[in-house]
Amino acid sequence: MTEVNFDNISSYERYKLMASLIVPRPIALVTTVGANGVVNAAPFSMFNMIGEDPPILMISINRLQDGQLKDTAANILHNGEFVVHMSDEPIAQKMHACGHHFPADVSELSVVGFTAVPSRTVKPPRIAEAPIAFECVLHEKLETPSRYVFIGRIQWLTARDGLIDTKAWRVNLKDYRPVARFGASFYTRTDDRFAISDIDGEQAKNETVIDQI
């Protein structure tokens, strides 16, 4: 067995190990609005659901090498609002392109060709091409020397037509193919799926297609 004492390695070495081993990670494509009124969009894979009561999720955003804040972090601290989108295969390339460095007065949405649509409860717009959008307000934050961890409270959900049955509160997983972050520069698809269950095989097969939210 290979054993590593995390106290004896650098933060960069810890990052390389953690980011390549704790995988796959869902990707939050986050829109915010800066103090200058410019809409920013950026992907973050240190992201996940925390709980449903209250409905909260978290995004962890690292500082730049000079200690300055990324635009997304600065914008959330400024106005406490953001929209988290899930990325699927059709928008994966544009999502990745939003991660490139652009000046604060340039909107990634216009550069990569995403369509901004007004949100229902927050100022940052949602991305029309994304399958899922969670409108969030800042619920709580945690600051460390290397990053901010933002906990967002979900106020509104918008989903692509056909993905959600709001009577049974079920998601059509057959038509939902989010991408996830793997190690280094690799991404992974989510369309190779299997069920592990104690129930009979036919029901397990069905639940891989339509499952509860």
N, C-alpha and C. Protein backbone atom coordinates (compact mmCIF):
# COMPACT_ATOMS: atom_id res chain seq x y z
N MET A 1 0.83 -1.20 0.00
CA MET A 1 0.00 0.00 0.00
C MET A 1 0.87 1.25 0.00
N THR A 2 0.45 2.24 -0.75
CA THR A 2 1.13 3.54 -0.74
C THR A 2 0.46 4.42 0.31
N GLU A 3 1.25 4.96 1.21
CA GLU A 3 0.73 5.80 2.27
C GLU A 3 1.36 7.18 2.19
N VAL A 4 0.55 8.22 2.41
CA VAL A 4 1.02 9.59 2.29
C VAL A 4 0.58 10.37 3.53
N ASN A 5 1.52 10.98 4.20
CA ASN A 5 1.22 11.87 5.31
C ASN A 5 1.00 13.27 4.74
N PHE A 6 -0.23 13.75 4.79
CA PHE A 6 -0.55 15.03 4.17
C PHE A 6 0.15 16.20 4.87
N ASP A 7 0.59 16.01 6.08
CA ASP A 7 1.32 17.07 6.77
C ASP A 7 2.72 17.26 6.21
N ASN A 8 3.20 16.27 5.46
CA ASN A 8 4.58 16.31 4.96
C ASN A 8 4.69 16.67 3.49
N ILE A 9 3.59 17.02 2.85
CA ILE A 9 3.64 17.41 1.44
C ILE A 9 3.05 18.80 1.28
N SER A 10 3.33 19.41 0.14
CA SER A 10 2.90 20.79 -0.09
C SER A 10 1.42 20.84 -0.44
N SER A 11 0.86 22.04 -0.39
CA SER A 11 -0.55 22.21 -0.73
C SER A 11 -0.79 21.85 -2.19
N TYR A 12 0.16 22.14 -3.07
CA TYR A 12 0.01 21.79 -4.48
C TYR A 12 0.01 20.27 -4.66
N GLU A 13 0.86 19.58 -3.93
CA GLU A 13 0.90 18.12 -4.02
C GLU A 13 -0.39 17.52 -3.46
N ARG A 14 -0.92 18.11 -2.39
CA ARG A 14 -2.20 17.63 -1.86
C ARG A 14 -3.31 17.84 -2.88
N TYR A 15 -3.28 19.01 -3.53
CA TYR A 15 -4.29 19.30 -4.55
C TYR A 15 -4.25 18.28 -5.68
N LYS A 16 -3.04 17.98 -6.18
CA LYS A 16 -2.91 17.05 -7.28
C LYS A 16 -3.48 15.68 -6.93
N LEU A 17 -3.22 15.22 -5.72
CA LEU A 17 -3.74 13.92 -5.30
C LEU A 17 -5.25 13.95 -5.11
N MET A 18 -5.73 14.95 -4.38
CA MET A 18 -7.16 15.00 -4.08
C MET A 18 -8.00 15.20 -5.34
N ALA A 19 -7.56 16.11 -6.22
CA ALA A 19 -8.33 16.42 -7.41
C ALA A 19 -8.36 15.28 -8.41
N SER A 20 -7.37 14.39 -8.35
CA SER A 20 -7.36 13.24 -9.27
C SER A 20 -7.93 11.98 -8.67
N LEU A 21 -8.12 11.95 -7.34
CA LEU A 21 -8.65 10.75 -6.69
C LEU A 21 -10.11 10.89 -6.28
N ILE A 22 -10.53 12.09 -5.91
CA ILE A 22 -11.93 12.31 -5.53
C ILE A 22 -12.69 12.67 -6.80
N VAL A 23 -13.03 11.64 -7.55
CA VAL A 23 -13.63 11.81 -8.86
C VAL A 23 -14.69 10.72 -9.08
N PRO A 24 -15.59 10.90 -10.04
CA PRO A 24 -15.79 12.12 -10.82
C PRO A 24 -16.52 13.18 -9.99
N ARG A 25 -16.29 14.46 -10.33
CA ARG A 25 -16.93 15.54 -9.62
C ARG A 25 -17.90 16.26 -10.54
N PRO A 26 -19.11 16.56 -10.07
CA PRO A 26 -20.03 17.35 -10.90
C PRO A 26 -19.46 18.74 -11.11
N ILE A 27 -19.88 19.38 -12.18
CA ILE A 27 -19.35 20.69 -12.54
C ILE A 27 -20.44 21.74 -12.41
N ALA A 28 -20.15 22.78 -11.65
CA ALA A 28 -21.04 23.92 -11.54
C ALA A 28 -20.59 24.98 -12.55
N LEU A 29 -21.44 25.30 -13.49
CA LEU A 29 -21.19 26.43 -14.39
C LEU A 29 -21.94 27.62 -13.80
N VAL A 30 -21.21 28.56 -13.23
CA VAL A 30 -21.81 29.59 -12.38
C VAL A 30 -21.84 30.94 -13.10
N THR A 31 -23.02 31.56 -13.11
CA THR A 31 -23.13 32.93 -13.60
C THR A 31 -23.30 33.88 -12.42
N THR A 32 -22.61 35.01 -12.52
CA THR A 32 -22.69 36.08 -11.53
C THR A 32 -22.68 37.41 -12.27
N VAL A 33 -22.96 38.47 -11.52
CA VAL A 33 -22.90 39.81 -12.10
C VAL A 33 -21.93 40.65 -11.28
N GLY A 34 -20.98 41.30 -11.96
CA GLY A 34 -20.00 42.12 -11.28
C GLY A 34 -20.53 43.49 -10.92
N ALA A 35 -19.76 44.20 -10.13
CA ALA A 35 -20.12 45.57 -9.76
C ALA A 35 -20.22 46.47 -10.99
N ASN A 36 -19.53 46.07 -12.07
CA ASN A 36 -19.57 46.83 -13.32
C ASN A 36 -20.75 46.44 -14.20
N GLY A 37 -21.58 45.49 -13.73
CA GLY A 37 -22.75 45.07 -14.49
C GLY A 37 -22.49 43.98 -15.50
N VAL A 38 -21.24 43.54 -15.64
CA VAL A 38 -20.89 42.51 -16.62
C VAL A 38 -21.22 41.12 -16.06
N VAL A 39 -21.83 40.29 -16.89
CA VAL A 39 -22.16 38.92 -16.49
C VAL A 39 -20.93 38.04 -16.66
N ASN A 40 -20.58 37.31 -15.60
CA ASN A 40 -19.45 36.39 -15.63
C ASN A 40 -19.97 34.96 -15.60
N ALA A 41 -19.27 34.07 -16.30
CA ALA A 41 -19.60 32.64 -16.26
C ALA A 41 -18.32 31.84 -16.12
N ALA A 42 -18.30 30.89 -15.17
CA ALA A 42 -17.09 30.10 -14.95
C ALA A 42 -17.46 28.73 -14.39
N PRO A 43 -16.71 27.68 -14.78
CA PRO A 43 -16.98 26.32 -14.28
C PRO A 43 -16.12 26.01 -13.05
N PHE A 44 -16.71 25.27 -12.11
CA PHE A 44 -16.02 24.84 -10.90
C PHE A 44 -16.41 23.41 -10.59
N SER A 45 -15.39 22.54 -10.38
CA SER A 45 -15.69 21.14 -10.08
C SER A 45 -15.59 20.83 -8.59
N MET A 46 -15.12 21.77 -7.79
CA MET A 46 -15.23 21.58 -6.34
C MET A 46 -16.60 22.10 -5.93
N PHE A 47 -17.59 21.25 -6.16
CA PHE A 47 -19.00 21.65 -6.08
C PHE A 47 -19.84 20.42 -5.76
N ASN A 48 -20.87 20.62 -4.94
CA ASN A 48 -21.80 19.51 -4.70
C ASN A 48 -23.02 19.98 -3.91
N MET A 49 -24.00 19.12 -3.85
CA MET A 49 -25.18 19.29 -3.01
C MET A 49 -24.79 19.05 -1.55
N ILE A 50 -25.38 19.83 -0.64
CA ILE A 50 -25.15 19.63 0.79
C ILE A 50 -26.39 19.06 1.47
N GLY A 51 -27.54 19.63 1.21
CA GLY A 51 -28.76 19.14 1.87
C GLY A 51 -29.99 19.79 1.27
N GLU A 52 -31.16 19.27 1.71
CA GLU A 52 -32.42 19.73 1.12
C GLU A 52 -33.27 20.58 2.06
N ASP A 53 -32.92 20.68 3.33
CA ASP A 53 -33.76 21.45 4.26
C ASP A 53 -32.86 22.20 5.25
N PRO A 54 -32.40 23.39 4.86
CA PRO A 54 -32.72 24.14 3.64
C PRO A 54 -32.02 23.56 2.41
N PRO A 55 -32.51 23.90 1.22
CA PRO A 55 -31.88 23.39 -0.01
C PRO A 55 -30.59 24.15 -0.28
N ILE A 56 -29.47 23.54 0.02
CA ILE A 56 -28.19 24.23 -0.10
C ILE A 56 -27.18 23.39 -0.88
N LEU A 57 -26.30 24.12 -1.56
CA LEU A 57 -25.19 23.52 -2.30
C LEU A 57 -23.93 24.32 -2.00
N MET A 58 -22.79 23.79 -2.36
CA MET A 58 -21.55 24.50 -2.08
C MET A 58 -20.66 24.57 -3.32
N ILE A 59 -19.95 25.70 -3.41
CA ILE A 59 -18.95 25.90 -4.45
C ILE A 59 -17.68 26.38 -3.76
N SER A 60 -16.57 25.75 -4.08
CA SER A 60 -15.27 26.12 -3.51
C SER A 60 -14.44 26.78 -4.60
N ILE A 61 -14.02 28.03 -4.36
CA ILE A 61 -13.32 28.82 -5.38
C ILE A 61 -11.96 29.25 -4.85
N ASN A 62 -10.92 28.80 -5.52
CA ASN A 62 -9.56 29.12 -5.07
C ASN A 62 -9.18 30.55 -5.41
N ARG A 63 -8.24 31.10 -4.65
CA ARG A 63 -7.66 32.39 -4.97
C ARG A 63 -6.65 32.24 -6.11
N LEU A 64 -6.37 33.34 -6.79
CA LEU A 64 -5.34 33.35 -7.81
C LEU A 64 -3.96 33.34 -7.16
N GLN A 65 -2.93 33.14 -7.95
CA GLN A 65 -1.58 33.00 -7.40
C GLN A 65 -1.13 34.24 -6.64
N ASP A 66 -1.62 35.40 -7.03
CA ASP A 66 -1.24 36.64 -6.34
C ASP A 66 -2.17 36.97 -5.17
N GLY A 67 -3.06 36.03 -4.84
CA GLY A 67 -3.98 36.23 -3.74
C GLY A 67 -5.26 36.94 -4.10
N GLN A 68 -5.34 37.42 -5.35
CA GLN A 68 -6.55 38.11 -5.78
C GLN A 68 -7.70 37.13 -5.96
N LEU A 69 -8.92 37.66 -5.94
CA LEU A 69 -10.10 36.82 -6.08
C LEU A 69 -10.46 36.61 -7.54
N LYS A 70 -10.95 35.44 -7.86
CA LYS A 70 -11.54 35.22 -9.17
C LYS A 70 -12.83 36.05 -9.25
N ASP A 71 -13.23 36.36 -10.50
CA ASP A 71 -14.41 37.21 -10.68
C ASP A 71 -15.65 36.63 -10.01
N THR A 72 -15.83 35.32 -10.11
CA THR A 72 -17.02 34.70 -9.50
C THR A 72 -17.06 34.94 -8.00
N ALA A 73 -15.93 34.73 -7.32
CA ALA A 73 -15.88 34.94 -5.88
C ALA A 73 -16.12 36.40 -5.53
N ALA A 74 -15.48 37.30 -6.25
CA ALA A 74 -15.66 38.72 -5.98
C ALA A 74 -17.11 39.14 -6.19
N ASN A 75 -17.74 38.61 -7.22
CA ASN A 75 -19.13 38.98 -7.50
C ASN A 75 -20.10 38.45 -6.45
N ILE A 76 -19.88 37.21 -5.99
CA ILE A 76 -20.75 36.66 -4.94
C ILE A 76 -20.59 37.45 -3.65
N LEU A 77 -19.37 37.82 -3.32
CA LEU A 77 -19.15 38.62 -2.12
C LEU A 77 -19.80 40.00 -2.27
N HIS A 78 -19.85 40.50 -3.48
CA HIS A 78 -20.41 41.84 -3.72
C HIS A 78 -21.92 41.87 -3.56
N ASN A 79 -22.62 40.89 -4.17
CA ASN A 79 -24.08 40.98 -4.16
C ASN A 79 -24.80 39.73 -3.64
N GLY A 80 -24.06 38.66 -3.35
CA GLY A 80 -24.66 37.48 -2.72
C GLY A 80 -25.61 36.69 -3.59
N GLU A 81 -25.48 36.79 -4.91
CA GLU A 81 -26.38 36.06 -5.81
C GLU A 81 -25.58 35.33 -6.89
N PHE A 82 -26.05 34.15 -7.27
CA PHE A 82 -25.42 33.40 -8.35
C PHE A 82 -26.36 32.32 -8.85
N VAL A 83 -26.10 31.86 -10.06
CA VAL A 83 -26.89 30.77 -10.66
C VAL A 83 -25.94 29.63 -11.00
N VAL A 84 -26.27 28.43 -10.52
CA VAL A 84 -25.47 27.24 -10.76
C VAL A 84 -26.15 26.40 -11.83
N HIS A 85 -25.43 26.14 -12.92
CA HIS A 85 -25.94 25.31 -14.01
C HIS A 85 -25.22 23.98 -14.02
N MET A 86 -25.95 22.93 -14.35
CA MET A 86 -25.33 21.64 -14.63
C MET A 86 -24.97 21.62 -16.12
N SER A 87 -23.84 21.00 -16.42
CA SER A 87 -23.36 20.94 -17.81
C SER A 87 -23.54 19.53 -18.36
N ASP A 88 -24.10 19.45 -19.55
CA ASP A 88 -24.23 18.15 -20.20
C ASP A 88 -23.36 18.11 -21.45
N GLU A 89 -23.40 17.00 -22.16
CA GLU A 89 -22.51 16.82 -23.30
C GLU A 89 -22.67 17.89 -24.38
N PRO A 90 -23.90 18.30 -24.74
CA PRO A 90 -24.03 19.31 -25.80
C PRO A 90 -23.36 20.64 -25.49
N ILE A 91 -23.22 21.00 -24.22
CA ILE A 91 -22.62 22.30 -23.90
C ILE A 91 -21.23 22.16 -23.27
N ALA A 92 -20.68 20.95 -23.24
CA ALA A 92 -19.42 20.72 -22.53
C ALA A 92 -18.29 21.58 -23.07
N GLN A 93 -18.16 21.70 -24.38
CA GLN A 93 -17.06 22.47 -24.94
C GLN A 93 -17.16 23.95 -24.56
N LYS A 94 -18.36 24.50 -24.62
CA LYS A 94 -18.53 25.91 -24.25
C LYS A 94 -18.34 26.10 -22.75
N MET A 95 -18.79 25.15 -21.95
CA MET A 95 -18.55 25.22 -20.52
C MET A 95 -17.06 25.29 -20.23
N HIS A 96 -16.28 24.42 -20.88
CA HIS A 96 -14.84 24.40 -20.68
C HIS A 96 -14.21 25.73 -21.10
N ALA A 97 -14.69 26.29 -22.19
CA ALA A 97 -14.14 27.56 -22.69
C ALA A 97 -14.39 28.70 -21.71
N CYS A 98 -15.44 28.61 -20.92
CA CYS A 98 -15.72 29.65 -19.93
C CYS A 98 -14.66 29.67 -18.83
N GLY A 99 -13.86 28.62 -18.72
CA GLY A 99 -12.82 28.56 -17.72
C GLY A 99 -11.56 29.30 -18.12
N HIS A 100 -11.47 29.76 -19.35
CA HIS A 100 -10.31 30.53 -19.78
C HIS A 100 -10.33 31.91 -19.13
N HIS A 101 -9.18 32.52 -19.01
CA HIS A 101 -9.11 33.83 -18.37
C HIS A 101 -9.56 34.93 -19.32
N PHE A 102 -10.55 35.70 -18.87
CA PHE A 102 -11.01 36.86 -19.62
C PHE A 102 -10.97 38.08 -18.69
N PRO A 103 -10.77 39.27 -19.22
CA PRO A 103 -10.83 40.47 -18.38
C PRO A 103 -12.20 40.60 -17.71
N ALA A 104 -12.25 41.29 -16.58
CA ALA A 104 -13.50 41.41 -15.82
C ALA A 104 -14.58 42.15 -16.57
N ASP A 105 -14.19 42.93 -17.58
CA ASP A 105 -15.20 43.68 -18.34
C ASP A 105 -15.66 42.94 -19.59
N VAL A 106 -15.28 41.67 -19.71
CA VAL A 106 -15.71 40.84 -20.83
C VAL A 106 -16.57 39.69 -20.32
N SER A 107 -17.73 39.50 -20.92
CA SER A 107 -18.62 38.41 -20.51
C SER A 107 -18.30 37.14 -21.29
N GLU A 108 -18.05 36.07 -20.54
CA GLU A 108 -17.78 34.78 -21.17
C GLU A 108 -18.96 34.31 -22.03
N LEU A 109 -20.17 34.68 -21.63
CA LEU A 109 -21.35 34.22 -22.37
C LEU A 109 -21.29 34.68 -23.83
N SER A 110 -20.94 35.94 -24.04
CA SER A 110 -20.88 36.45 -25.41
C SER A 110 -19.71 35.87 -26.18
N VAL A 111 -18.59 35.60 -25.49
CA VAL A 111 -17.41 35.08 -26.17
C VAL A 111 -17.64 33.65 -26.67
N VAL A 112 -18.22 32.80 -25.81
CA VAL A 112 -18.37 31.39 -26.19
C VAL A 112 -19.68 31.11 -26.91
N GLY A 113 -20.62 32.05 -26.87
CA GLY A 113 -21.87 31.87 -27.61
C GLY A 113 -23.03 31.32 -26.81
N PHE A 114 -23.01 31.48 -25.49
CA PHE A 114 -24.15 31.10 -24.68
C PHE A 114 -25.21 32.21 -24.72
N THR A 115 -26.46 31.83 -24.47
CA THR A 115 -27.58 32.76 -24.47
C THR A 115 -28.01 33.07 -23.05
N ALA A 116 -27.98 34.34 -22.65
CA ALA A 116 -28.42 34.74 -21.31
C ALA A 116 -29.92 34.95 -21.30
N VAL A 117 -30.57 34.37 -20.27
CA VAL A 117 -32.01 34.49 -20.08
C VAL A 117 -32.26 35.02 -18.67
N PRO A 118 -33.18 35.98 -18.49
CA PRO A 118 -33.41 36.51 -17.15
C PRO A 118 -33.81 35.42 -16.15
N SER A 119 -33.24 35.48 -14.97
CA SER A 119 -33.63 34.57 -13.89
C SER A 119 -34.92 35.07 -13.25
N ARG A 120 -35.53 34.23 -12.42
CA ARG A 120 -36.79 34.60 -11.78
C ARG A 120 -36.60 35.33 -10.46
N THR A 121 -35.52 35.00 -9.70
CA THR A 121 -35.40 35.52 -8.34
C THR A 121 -34.09 36.24 -8.06
N VAL A 122 -33.12 36.18 -8.97
CA VAL A 122 -31.82 36.80 -8.74
C VAL A 122 -31.41 37.60 -9.98
N LYS A 123 -30.45 38.50 -9.80
CA LYS A 123 -30.01 39.36 -10.89
C LYS A 123 -29.19 38.60 -11.94
N PRO A 124 -28.26 37.71 -11.55
CA PRO A 124 -27.50 36.99 -12.60
C PRO A 124 -28.44 36.20 -13.49
N PRO A 125 -28.22 36.24 -14.80
CA PRO A 125 -29.08 35.47 -15.70
C PRO A 125 -28.72 34.00 -15.68
N ARG A 126 -29.63 33.20 -16.19
CA ARG A 126 -29.32 31.79 -16.40
C ARG A 126 -28.94 31.59 -17.86
N ILE A 127 -28.34 30.44 -18.14
CA ILE A 127 -27.89 30.10 -19.49
C ILE A 127 -28.95 29.22 -20.14
N ALA A 128 -29.49 29.70 -21.25
CA ALA A 128 -30.61 29.00 -21.90
C ALA A 128 -30.24 27.60 -22.34
N GLU A 129 -28.99 27.39 -22.76
CA GLU A 129 -28.58 26.09 -23.30
C GLU A 129 -28.34 25.04 -22.22
N ALA A 130 -28.23 25.44 -20.96
CA ALA A 130 -27.96 24.48 -19.89
C ALA A 130 -29.21 23.68 -19.54
N PRO A 131 -29.06 22.39 -19.22
CA PRO A 131 -30.23 21.58 -18.90
C PRO A 131 -30.86 21.91 -17.56
N ILE A 132 -30.05 22.39 -16.62
CA ILE A 132 -30.51 22.67 -15.26
C ILE A 132 -29.91 23.98 -14.79
N ALA A 133 -30.71 24.80 -14.10
CA ALA A 133 -30.21 26.03 -13.49
C ALA A 133 -30.81 26.18 -12.10
N PHE A 134 -29.96 26.37 -11.11
CA PHE A 134 -30.38 26.62 -9.73
C PHE A 134 -30.08 28.08 -9.39
N GLU A 135 -31.12 28.86 -9.13
CA GLU A 135 -30.92 30.24 -8.71
C GLU A 135 -30.65 30.25 -7.21
N CYS A 136 -29.53 30.88 -6.81
CA CYS A 136 -29.08 30.80 -5.42
C CYS A 136 -28.79 32.18 -4.83
N VAL A 137 -28.96 32.26 -3.52
CA VAL A 137 -28.48 33.39 -2.75
C VAL A 137 -27.47 32.86 -1.74
N LEU A 138 -26.55 33.71 -1.34
CA LEU A 138 -25.51 33.28 -0.42
C LEU A 138 -26.10 33.00 0.95
N HIS A 139 -25.93 31.77 1.41
CA HIS A 139 -26.45 31.33 2.70
C HIS A 139 -25.39 31.45 3.79
N GLU A 140 -24.16 31.10 3.43
CA GLU A 140 -23.05 31.14 4.37
C GLU A 140 -21.75 31.04 3.58
N LYS A 141 -20.65 31.48 4.17
CA LYS A 141 -19.37 31.37 3.49
C LYS A 141 -18.29 30.98 4.49
N LEU A 142 -17.27 30.32 3.97
CA LEU A 142 -16.11 29.92 4.75
C LEU A 142 -14.87 30.39 4.00
N GLU A 143 -13.98 31.08 4.70
CA GLU A 143 -12.76 31.57 4.07
C GLU A 143 -11.55 30.85 4.65
N THR A 144 -10.68 30.36 3.77
CA THR A 144 -9.41 29.76 4.17
C THR A 144 -8.31 30.55 3.48
N PRO A 145 -7.04 30.32 3.82
CA PRO A 145 -5.96 31.06 3.14
C PRO A 145 -5.94 30.87 1.63
N SER A 146 -6.45 29.74 1.15
CA SER A 146 -6.35 29.46 -0.29
C SER A 146 -7.64 29.66 -1.07
N ARG A 147 -8.79 29.78 -0.39
CA ARG A 147 -10.04 29.79 -1.13
C ARG A 147 -11.21 30.28 -0.30
N TYR A 148 -12.31 30.52 -1.00
CA TYR A 148 -13.62 30.74 -0.39
C TYR A 148 -14.51 29.54 -0.67
N VAL A 149 -15.27 29.13 0.32
CA VAL A 149 -16.30 28.13 0.13
C VAL A 149 -17.64 28.84 0.32
N PHE A 150 -18.43 28.87 -0.75
CA PHE A 150 -19.73 29.53 -0.72
C PHE A 150 -20.83 28.49 -0.61
N ILE A 151 -21.69 28.67 0.36
CA ILE A 151 -22.88 27.82 0.50
C ILE A 151 -24.07 28.62 0.00
N GLY A 152 -24.69 28.12 -1.05
CA GLY A 152 -25.81 28.80 -1.65
C GLY A 152 -27.13 28.14 -1.31
N ARG A 153 -28.14 28.95 -1.04
CA ARG A 153 -29.49 28.44 -0.80
C ARG A 153 -30.28 28.56 -2.10
N ILE A 154 -30.77 27.43 -2.56
CA ILE A 154 -31.50 27.39 -3.84
C ILE A 154 -32.89 28.00 -3.65
N GLN A 155 -33.21 28.96 -4.52
CA GLN A 155 -34.53 29.59 -4.47
C GLN A 155 -35.43 29.15 -5.63
N TRP A 156 -34.82 28.77 -6.74
CA TRP A 156 -35.62 28.48 -7.93
C TRP A 156 -34.87 27.50 -8.81
N LEU A 157 -35.58 26.59 -9.42
CA LEU A 157 -35.01 25.61 -10.34
C LEU A 157 -35.67 25.74 -11.70
N THR A 158 -34.86 25.78 -12.74
CA THR A 158 -35.36 25.73 -14.11
C THR A 158 -34.72 24.54 -14.79
N ALA A 159 -35.54 23.72 -15.45
CA ALA A 159 -35.05 22.50 -16.11
C ALA A 159 -35.52 22.47 -17.55
N ARG A 160 -34.72 21.84 -18.38
CA ARG A 160 -35.07 21.63 -19.78
C ARG A 160 -36.38 20.83 -19.86
N ASP A 161 -37.21 21.17 -20.83
CA ASP A 161 -38.49 20.48 -20.99
C ASP A 161 -38.28 18.97 -21.07
N GLY A 162 -39.09 18.23 -20.31
CA GLY A 162 -39.06 16.78 -20.33
C GLY A 162 -38.16 16.14 -19.30
N LEU A 163 -37.34 16.93 -18.59
CA LEU A 163 -36.42 16.33 -17.63
C LEU A 163 -37.07 16.04 -16.28
N ILE A 164 -38.07 16.83 -15.89
CA ILE A 164 -38.66 16.68 -14.56
C ILE A 164 -40.16 16.49 -14.66
N ASP A 165 -40.68 15.53 -13.92
CA ASP A 165 -42.11 15.34 -13.74
C ASP A 165 -42.47 15.96 -12.40
N THR A 166 -43.13 17.12 -12.41
CA THR A 166 -43.42 17.84 -11.17
C THR A 166 -44.67 17.33 -10.47
N LYS A 167 -45.28 16.30 -10.99
CA LYS A 167 -46.38 15.64 -10.27
C LYS A 167 -45.83 14.49 -9.43
N ALA A 168 -44.97 13.69 -10.01
CA ALA A 168 -44.36 12.57 -9.28
C ALA A 168 -43.02 12.95 -8.65
N TRP A 169 -42.49 14.16 -8.99
CA TRP A 169 -41.18 14.61 -8.52
C TRP A 169 -40.10 13.59 -8.86
N ARG A 170 -40.07 13.26 -10.14
CA ARG A 170 -39.07 12.35 -10.66
C ARG A 170 -38.31 13.00 -11.81
N VAL A 171 -37.08 12.54 -11.98
CA VAL A 171 -36.23 13.04 -13.05
C VAL A 171 -36.07 11.96 -14.12
N ASN A 172 -36.18 12.36 -15.37
CA ASN A 172 -36.00 11.45 -16.49
C ASN A 172 -34.50 11.31 -16.76
N LEU A 173 -33.87 10.37 -16.08
CA LEU A 173 -32.42 10.21 -16.19
C LEU A 173 -31.99 9.70 -17.56
N LYS A 174 -32.92 9.11 -18.30
CA LYS A 174 -32.58 8.60 -19.64
C LYS A 174 -32.13 9.74 -20.55
N ASP A 175 -32.71 10.92 -20.37
CA ASP A 175 -32.39 12.05 -21.23
C ASP A 175 -31.49 13.07 -20.54
N TYR A 176 -30.92 12.71 -19.40
CA TYR A 176 -30.06 13.62 -18.65
C TYR A 176 -28.65 13.06 -18.65
N ARG A 177 -27.73 13.74 -19.32
CA ARG A 177 -26.37 13.24 -19.47
C ARG A 177 -25.35 14.31 -19.05
N PRO A 178 -25.30 14.61 -17.77
CA PRO A 178 -24.31 15.58 -17.32
C PRO A 178 -22.90 15.03 -17.48
N VAL A 179 -21.96 15.94 -17.65
CA VAL A 179 -20.55 15.55 -17.68
C VAL A 179 -19.94 15.86 -16.31
N ALA A 180 -18.82 15.21 -16.02
CA ALA A 180 -18.17 15.38 -14.73
C ALA A 180 -16.67 15.56 -14.95
N ARG A 181 -16.02 16.10 -13.95
CA ARG A 181 -14.57 16.32 -14.02
C ARG A 181 -13.84 15.10 -13.51
N PHE A 182 -12.87 14.64 -14.28
CA PHE A 182 -12.02 13.54 -13.87
C PHE A 182 -10.65 14.13 -13.54
N GLY A 183 -9.63 13.32 -13.41
CA GLY A 183 -8.31 13.83 -13.05
C GLY A 183 -7.68 14.65 -14.16
N ALA A 184 -6.75 15.54 -13.76
CA ALA A 184 -6.00 16.38 -14.69
C ALA A 184 -6.96 17.15 -15.59
N SER A 185 -6.79 17.05 -16.91
CA SER A 185 -7.65 17.80 -17.83
C SER A 185 -8.76 16.95 -18.42
N PHE A 186 -9.04 15.82 -17.80
CA PHE A 186 -10.01 14.88 -18.35
C PHE A 186 -11.40 15.10 -17.77
N TYR A 187 -12.39 14.89 -18.64
CA TYR A 187 -13.79 14.87 -18.24
C TYR A 187 -14.32 13.45 -18.46
N THR A 188 -15.49 13.18 -17.91
CA THR A 188 -16.09 11.86 -18.11
C THR A 188 -17.58 12.01 -18.39
N ARG A 189 -18.10 11.07 -19.19
CA ARG A 189 -19.54 11.05 -19.48
C ARG A 189 -20.26 10.23 -18.43
N THR A 190 -21.56 10.35 -18.40
CA THR A 190 -22.35 9.63 -17.39
C THR A 190 -23.42 8.75 -18.02
N ASP A 191 -23.20 8.33 -19.25
CA ASP A 191 -24.23 7.52 -19.91
C ASP A 191 -23.98 6.02 -19.82
N ASP A 192 -22.89 5.60 -19.18
CA ASP A 192 -22.64 4.18 -18.94
C ASP A 192 -23.03 3.90 -17.49
N ARG A 193 -24.25 3.40 -17.27
CA ARG A 193 -24.81 3.34 -15.93
C ARG A 193 -25.23 1.91 -15.58
N PHE A 194 -25.23 1.63 -14.30
CA PHE A 194 -25.71 0.34 -13.83
C PHE A 194 -26.33 0.53 -12.46
N ALA A 195 -27.18 -0.40 -12.08
CA ALA A 195 -27.87 -0.33 -10.80
C ALA A 195 -27.36 -1.43 -9.88
N ILE A 196 -27.23 -1.11 -8.61
CA ILE A 196 -26.91 -2.09 -7.58
C ILE A 196 -28.05 -2.03 -6.58
N SER A 197 -28.81 -3.10 -6.49
CA SER A 197 -30.00 -3.05 -5.66
C SER A 197 -30.38 -4.45 -5.20
N ASP A 198 -31.14 -4.53 -4.11
CA ASP A 198 -31.67 -5.80 -3.63
C ASP A 198 -33.02 -6.11 -4.24
N ILE A 199 -33.59 -5.14 -4.98
CA ILE A 199 -34.88 -5.38 -5.60
C ILE A 199 -34.70 -6.19 -6.87
N ASP A 200 -35.81 -6.62 -7.48
CA ASP A 200 -35.71 -7.48 -8.65
C ASP A 200 -35.10 -6.72 -9.83
N GLY A 201 -34.54 -7.45 -10.75
CA GLY A 201 -33.79 -6.86 -11.84
C GLY A 201 -34.58 -5.93 -12.71
N GLU A 202 -35.86 -6.23 -12.96
CA GLU A 202 -36.66 -5.39 -13.84
C GLU A 202 -36.90 -4.02 -13.23
N GLN A 203 -37.19 -4.00 -11.92
CA GLN A 203 -37.40 -2.72 -11.27
C GLN A 203 -36.10 -1.92 -11.21
N ALA A 204 -34.99 -2.60 -10.98
CA ALA A 204 -33.70 -1.92 -10.96
C ALA A 204 -33.42 -1.30 -12.32
N LYS A 205 -33.76 -2.02 -13.40
CA LYS A 205 -33.54 -1.51 -14.74
C LYS A 205 -34.34 -0.23 -14.96
N ASN A 206 -35.60 -0.23 -14.51
CA ASN A 206 -36.44 0.94 -14.67
C ASN A 206 -35.91 2.13 -13.88
N GLU A 207 -35.37 1.87 -12.71
CA GLU A 207 -34.93 2.95 -11.84
C GLU A 207 -33.63 3.58 -12.34
N THR A 208 -32.95 2.93 -13.29
CA THR A 208 -31.79 3.58 -13.89
C THR A 208 -32.23 4.61 -14.93
N VAL A 209 -33.50 4.54 -15.35
CA VAL A 209 -34.02 5.46 -16.35
C VAL A 209 -34.77 6.60 -15.72
N ILE A 210 -35.64 6.29 -14.78
CA ILE A 210 -36.43 7.32 -14.10
C ILE A 210 -36.26 7.12 -12.60
N ASP A 211 -35.69 8.10 -11.95
CA ASP A 211 -35.43 7.97 -10.53
C ASP A 211 -35.96 9.18 -9.80
N GLN A 212 -36.06 9.06 -8.49
CA GLN A 212 -36.53 10.18 -7.71
C GLN A 212 -35.48 11.29 -7.70
N ILE A 213 -35.95 12.52 -7.52
CA ILE A 213 -35.05 13.67 -7.42
C ILE A 213 -34.22 13.52 -6.16
